[in-house]
Amino acid sequence: MRVRLCLRFGCLDSQFRDGDVVTGPAIRSLRESLSLSQVGFAAHLGVSSNTVARWERGEIIPGRDSL
C-alpha cells in the first residue's frame, strides 16, 4: 500500500506492501519527520488528535481510508 500525505509544503510518500500493518512507531516517526504535533497531523488527515494518539499507542490500527 502506498501512503501519500500531502501538506501545504509538499508530499511525503511511504511504501507499505499489501497486508502490512502500519504500526504506532511508524505513524509517530512519519508525524515527527514532518515536524507536526498530533493535533496538526490529525488536522491534515481529517481525524481527531485522540485518534492519532491511539494509533501511536497501538490501541487501534488506522484503516486505509484514514491514511
N, C-alpha and C. Protein backbone atom coordinates (compact mmCIF):
# COMPACT_ATOMS: atom_id res chain seq x y z
N MET A 1 0.86 -1.18 0.00
CA MET A 1 0.00 0.00 0.00
C MET A 1 0.89 1.23 0.00
N ARG A 2 0.56 2.17 -0.80
CA ARG A 2 1.32 3.41 -0.87
C ARG A 2 0.56 4.45 -0.07
N VAL A 3 1.25 5.07 0.86
CA VAL A 3 0.66 6.13 1.66
C VAL A 3 1.25 7.44 1.19
N ARG A 4 0.42 8.36 0.78
CA ARG A 4 0.88 9.66 0.31
C ARG A 4 0.19 10.71 1.16
N LEU A 5 0.98 11.44 1.91
CA LEU A 5 0.46 12.50 2.76
C LEU A 5 0.90 13.83 2.16
N CYS A 6 -0.04 14.61 1.69
CA CYS A 6 0.27 15.89 1.08
C CYS A 6 -0.17 17.01 2.00
N LEU A 7 0.76 17.86 2.28
CA LEU A 7 0.51 19.03 3.12
C LEU A 7 0.83 20.27 2.30
N ARG A 8 0.57 21.41 2.82
CA ARG A 8 0.77 22.64 2.04
C ARG A 8 2.22 22.84 1.63
N PHE A 9 3.16 22.19 2.32
CA PHE A 9 4.57 22.37 1.99
C PHE A 9 5.16 21.21 1.20
N GLY A 10 4.33 20.29 0.77
CA GLY A 10 4.82 19.18 -0.05
C GLY A 10 4.17 17.86 0.32
N CYS A 11 4.62 16.82 -0.32
CA CYS A 11 4.07 15.48 -0.11
C CYS A 11 5.16 14.55 0.42
N LEU A 12 4.75 13.61 1.23
CA LEU A 12 5.63 12.59 1.75
C LEU A 12 5.03 11.24 1.40
N ASP A 13 5.83 10.38 0.79
CA ASP A 13 5.37 9.06 0.41
C ASP A 13 6.01 8.02 1.31
N SER A 14 5.23 7.05 1.70
CA SER A 14 5.75 5.88 2.41
C SER A 14 5.22 4.66 1.69
N GLN A 15 6.05 3.68 1.56
CA GLN A 15 5.67 2.46 0.83
C GLN A 15 5.37 1.35 1.83
N PHE A 16 4.19 0.78 1.73
CA PHE A 16 3.80 -0.38 2.50
C PHE A 16 3.29 -1.43 1.53
N ARG A 17 3.68 -2.66 1.74
CA ARG A 17 3.14 -3.74 0.92
C ARG A 17 1.73 -4.07 1.37
N ASP A 18 0.93 -4.60 0.46
CA ASP A 18 -0.41 -5.03 0.83
C ASP A 18 -0.31 -6.01 1.98
N GLY A 19 -1.15 -5.82 2.97
CA GLY A 19 -1.15 -6.69 4.13
C GLY A 19 -0.27 -6.19 5.26
N ASP A 20 0.60 -5.20 4.99
CA ASP A 20 1.42 -4.63 6.06
C ASP A 20 0.52 -3.90 7.05
N VAL A 21 0.87 -4.01 8.29
CA VAL A 21 0.18 -3.26 9.33
C VAL A 21 1.02 -2.03 9.63
N VAL A 22 0.39 -0.88 9.59
CA VAL A 22 1.09 0.36 9.92
C VAL A 22 1.13 0.45 11.44
N THR A 23 2.32 0.37 12.00
CA THR A 23 2.46 0.33 13.45
C THR A 23 2.47 1.73 14.06
N GLY A 24 2.23 1.77 15.36
CA GLY A 24 2.27 3.03 16.09
C GLY A 24 3.59 3.75 15.94
N PRO A 25 4.73 3.07 16.13
CA PRO A 25 6.01 3.74 15.95
C PRO A 25 6.21 4.29 14.54
N ALA A 26 5.68 3.59 13.52
CA ALA A 26 5.81 4.08 12.14
C ALA A 26 5.00 5.36 11.95
N ILE A 27 3.82 5.41 12.54
CA ILE A 27 2.98 6.61 12.44
C ILE A 27 3.65 7.76 13.17
N ARG A 28 4.16 7.49 14.35
CA ARG A 28 4.83 8.55 15.11
C ARG A 28 6.06 9.05 14.36
N SER A 29 6.83 8.14 13.79
CA SER A 29 8.02 8.53 13.03
C SER A 29 7.65 9.40 11.84
N LEU A 30 6.61 9.02 11.13
CA LEU A 30 6.14 9.82 10.00
C LEU A 30 5.73 11.21 10.46
N ARG A 31 4.94 11.27 11.52
CA ARG A 31 4.48 12.56 12.06
C ARG A 31 5.65 13.42 12.48
N GLU A 32 6.60 12.84 13.20
CA GLU A 32 7.75 13.61 13.68
C GLU A 32 8.67 14.04 12.53
N SER A 33 8.76 13.22 11.47
CA SER A 33 9.59 13.61 10.33
C SER A 33 9.01 14.84 9.62
N LEU A 34 7.72 15.06 9.81
CA LEU A 34 7.05 16.23 9.25
C LEU A 34 7.03 17.40 10.23
N SER A 35 7.61 17.19 11.41
CA SER A 35 7.63 18.21 12.46
C SER A 35 6.22 18.69 12.82
N LEU A 36 5.31 17.72 12.94
CA LEU A 36 3.93 18.05 13.29
C LEU A 36 3.58 17.50 14.66
N SER A 37 2.76 18.24 15.37
CA SER A 37 2.19 17.74 16.61
C SER A 37 1.09 16.75 16.25
N GLN A 38 0.60 16.03 17.25
CA GLN A 38 -0.52 15.12 16.99
C GLN A 38 -1.73 15.91 16.50
N VAL A 39 -1.92 17.09 17.04
CA VAL A 39 -3.06 17.93 16.64
C VAL A 39 -2.92 18.33 15.17
N GLY A 40 -1.74 18.79 14.79
CA GLY A 40 -1.52 19.20 13.41
C GLY A 40 -1.62 18.05 12.43
N PHE A 41 -1.04 16.91 12.79
CA PHE A 41 -1.10 15.72 11.95
C PHE A 41 -2.55 15.29 11.76
N ALA A 42 -3.30 15.28 12.86
CA ALA A 42 -4.71 14.89 12.81
C ALA A 42 -5.51 15.83 11.91
N ALA A 43 -5.22 17.12 12.00
CA ALA A 43 -5.95 18.09 11.18
C ALA A 43 -5.73 17.83 9.69
N HIS A 44 -4.50 17.51 9.31
CA HIS A 44 -4.21 17.24 7.90
C HIS A 44 -4.87 15.95 7.41
N LEU A 45 -5.08 15.00 8.31
CA LEU A 45 -5.69 13.73 7.93
C LEU A 45 -7.21 13.72 8.10
N GLY A 46 -7.74 14.75 8.75
CA GLY A 46 -9.18 14.80 8.96
C GLY A 46 -9.68 13.86 10.03
N VAL A 47 -8.83 13.60 11.04
CA VAL A 47 -9.22 12.76 12.18
C VAL A 47 -8.95 13.56 13.45
N SER A 48 -9.36 13.04 14.58
CA SER A 48 -9.12 13.74 15.84
C SER A 48 -7.70 13.46 16.35
N SER A 49 -7.19 14.35 17.18
CA SER A 49 -5.87 14.13 17.77
C SER A 49 -5.90 12.91 18.69
N ASN A 50 -7.04 12.63 19.28
CA ASN A 50 -7.18 11.44 20.12
C ASN A 50 -6.98 10.18 19.28
N THR A 51 -7.48 10.20 18.05
CA THR A 51 -7.31 9.06 17.15
C THR A 51 -5.83 8.85 16.85
N VAL A 52 -5.12 9.93 16.55
CA VAL A 52 -3.68 9.83 16.27
C VAL A 52 -2.95 9.27 17.49
N ALA A 53 -3.29 9.76 18.67
CA ALA A 53 -2.65 9.27 19.90
C ALA A 53 -2.91 7.77 20.08
N ARG A 54 -4.11 7.33 19.81
CA ARG A 54 -4.45 5.91 19.94
C ARG A 54 -3.72 5.07 18.90
N TRP A 55 -3.54 5.60 17.69
CA TRP A 55 -2.74 4.90 16.68
C TRP A 55 -1.33 4.70 17.18
N GLU A 56 -0.75 5.79 17.67
CA GLU A 56 0.65 5.76 18.10
C GLU A 56 0.87 4.83 19.30
N ARG A 57 -0.12 4.71 20.16
CA ARG A 57 -0.02 3.80 21.31
C ARG A 57 -0.35 2.36 20.93
N GLY A 58 -0.81 2.15 19.70
CA GLY A 58 -1.15 0.80 19.25
C GLY A 58 -2.49 0.31 19.74
N GLU A 59 -3.33 1.21 20.23
CA GLU A 59 -4.66 0.81 20.72
C GLU A 59 -5.60 0.48 19.56
N ILE A 60 -5.44 1.20 18.46
CA ILE A 60 -6.23 0.94 17.27
C ILE A 60 -5.30 1.04 16.06
N ILE A 61 -5.71 0.41 14.98
CA ILE A 61 -4.92 0.43 13.74
C ILE A 61 -5.69 1.27 12.72
N PRO A 62 -5.02 2.20 12.08
CA PRO A 62 -5.73 3.04 11.11
C PRO A 62 -6.19 2.23 9.90
N GLY A 63 -7.36 2.57 9.43
CA GLY A 63 -7.85 1.97 8.19
C GLY A 63 -7.16 2.62 7.01
N ARG A 64 -7.21 1.96 5.88
CA ARG A 64 -6.59 2.52 4.67
C ARG A 64 -7.15 3.88 4.32
N ASP A 65 -8.44 4.10 4.58
CA ASP A 65 -9.05 5.38 4.25
C ASP A 65 -8.55 6.51 5.12
N SER A 66 -8.07 6.19 6.31
CA SER A 66 -7.58 7.22 7.23
C SER A 66 -6.25 7.79 6.78
N LEU A 67 -5.40 6.95 6.21
CA LEU A 67 -4.08 7.40 5.78
C LEU A 67 -4.09 7.64 4.29
